Amino acid sequence: MEWVEINNLFRLIFLILMIGSIVVSAVLLSTFKRGDVINGFTLGITSVLAIAVSGVTLIIMGYVADETGGSGDAISTYLFLGIVGLSLVNGGIYAKKRR
């Protein structure tokens, strides 16, 4: 039972990072001048940190699942892949709008 509670806390980290990546995408796709809000450095740092934090969180979830006798969580894996995908898409959007 405690694995479910721990799993929900870890999933919250993934959801916060996913929402942050979606907000960055919305800002990049908006019509106002994006140069004032997000530049390449900010986008790069945000993307790298989101991928790093979600990757470490996924690894820690694996360790905790192994120690508590729980099983892996497919939803968290999909959220991790979504964060990686959104980070790559954000870089593509920025590069396309920069031209």
Protein backbone atom coordinates (compact mmCIF):
# COMPACT_ATOMS: atom_id res chain seq x y z
CA MET A 1 0.00 0.00 0.00
CA GLU A 2 2.83 2.42 0.71
CA TRP A 3 4.16 1.89 -2.83
CA VAL A 4 0.99 3.46 -4.22
CA GLU A 5 1.45 6.56 -2.04
CA ILE A 6 5.13 6.90 -2.98
CA ASN A 7 4.25 6.33 -6.62
CA ASN A 8 1.71 9.18 -6.53
CA LEU A 9 4.29 11.56 -5.06
CA PHE A 10 6.80 10.70 -7.78
CA ARG A 11 4.12 11.05 -10.43
CA LEU A 12 3.45 14.58 -9.17
CA ILE A 13 7.03 15.53 -10.08
CA PHE A 14 6.49 14.22 -13.60
CA LEU A 15 3.21 16.11 -13.95
CA ILE A 16 4.77 19.40 -12.82
CA LEU A 17 7.59 19.02 -15.34
CA MET A 18 5.09 18.08 -18.07
CA ILE A 19 2.97 21.15 -17.33
CA GLY A 20 6.09 23.32 -17.39
CA SER A 21 7.06 21.94 -20.80
CA ILE A 22 3.54 22.55 -22.11
CA VAL A 23 3.67 26.16 -20.89
CA VAL A 24 7.00 26.67 -22.66
CA SER A 25 5.45 25.23 -25.85
CA ALA A 26 2.49 27.59 -25.54
CA VAL A 27 4.77 30.58 -25.11
CA LEU A 28 6.83 29.54 -28.14
CA LEU A 29 3.72 29.07 -30.27
CA SER A 30 2.08 32.31 -29.18
CA THR A 31 1.95 35.28 -31.52
CA PHE A 32 3.58 37.89 -29.29
CA LYS A 33 7.29 38.53 -29.56
CA ARG A 34 8.89 35.50 -27.95
CA GLY A 35 12.36 37.04 -27.85
CA ASP A 36 11.37 38.99 -24.77
CA VAL A 37 10.24 35.88 -22.89
CA ILE A 38 12.31 32.87 -23.96
CA ASN A 39 15.70 32.82 -25.62
CA GLY A 40 17.78 29.85 -26.74
CA PHE A 41 19.78 29.64 -23.52
CA THR A 42 16.67 29.62 -21.34
CA LEU A 43 15.01 27.00 -23.51
CA GLY A 44 18.11 24.80 -23.48
CA ILE A 45 18.57 24.97 -19.72
CA THR A 46 14.86 24.34 -19.11
CA SER A 47 14.84 21.33 -21.42
CA VAL A 48 18.02 19.80 -20.02
CA LEU A 49 16.88 20.24 -16.43
CA ALA A 50 13.43 18.78 -17.15
CA ILE A 51 14.94 15.72 -18.82
CA ALA A 52 17.57 15.28 -16.09
CA VAL A 53 15.16 15.63 -13.17
CA SER A 54 12.57 13.32 -14.72
CA GLY A 55 15.25 10.76 -15.62
CA VAL A 56 16.65 10.71 -12.09
CA THR A 57 13.14 10.49 -10.67
CA LEU A 58 12.38 7.51 -12.90
CA ILE A 59 15.56 5.77 -11.75
CA ILE A 60 14.76 6.44 -8.09
CA MET A 61 11.25 5.05 -8.66
CA GLY A 62 12.87 1.86 -9.91
CA TYR A 63 15.03 1.58 -6.81
CA VAL A 64 12.09 2.21 -4.50
CA ALA A 65 9.94 -0.32 -6.36
CA ASP A 66 12.70 -2.89 -6.04
CA GLU A 67 13.14 -2.30 -2.31
CA THR A 68 9.44 -2.24 -1.43
CA GLY A 69 8.47 -5.18 -3.62
CA GLY A 70 6.35 -3.01 -5.89
CA SER A 71 6.16 -3.20 -9.64
CA GLY A 72 7.13 -0.70 -12.31
CA ASP A 73 4.84 2.12 -13.28
CA ALA A 74 4.00 2.42 -16.97
CA ILE A 75 2.32 5.82 -16.61
CA SER A 76 5.47 7.40 -15.16
CA THR A 77 7.51 5.95 -18.01
CA TYR A 78 5.10 7.46 -20.53
CA LEU A 79 5.26 10.80 -18.71
CA PHE A 80 9.07 10.67 -18.90
CA LEU A 81 8.93 9.96 -22.62
CA GLY A 82 6.41 12.81 -23.02
CA ILE A 83 8.76 15.22 -21.24
CA VAL A 84 11.66 14.17 -23.47
CA GLY A 85 9.46 14.51 -26.57
CA LEU A 86 8.15 17.94 -25.57
CA SER A 87 11.68 19.15 -24.85
CA LEU A 88 12.79 18.08 -28.32
CA VAL A 89 9.69 19.61 -29.93
CA ASN A 90 10.29 22.88 -28.08
CA GLY A 91 13.82 22.99 -29.48
CA GLY A 92 12.46 22.38 -32.98
CA ILE A 93 9.82 25.08 -32.61
CA TYR A 94 12.42 27.57 -31.40
CA ALA A 95 14.78 26.75 -34.26
CA LYS A 96 11.97 27.04 -36.83
CA LYS A 97 10.70 30.37 -35.47
CA ARG A 98 14.23 31.73 -35.26
CA ARG A 99 14.70 31.46 -39.02
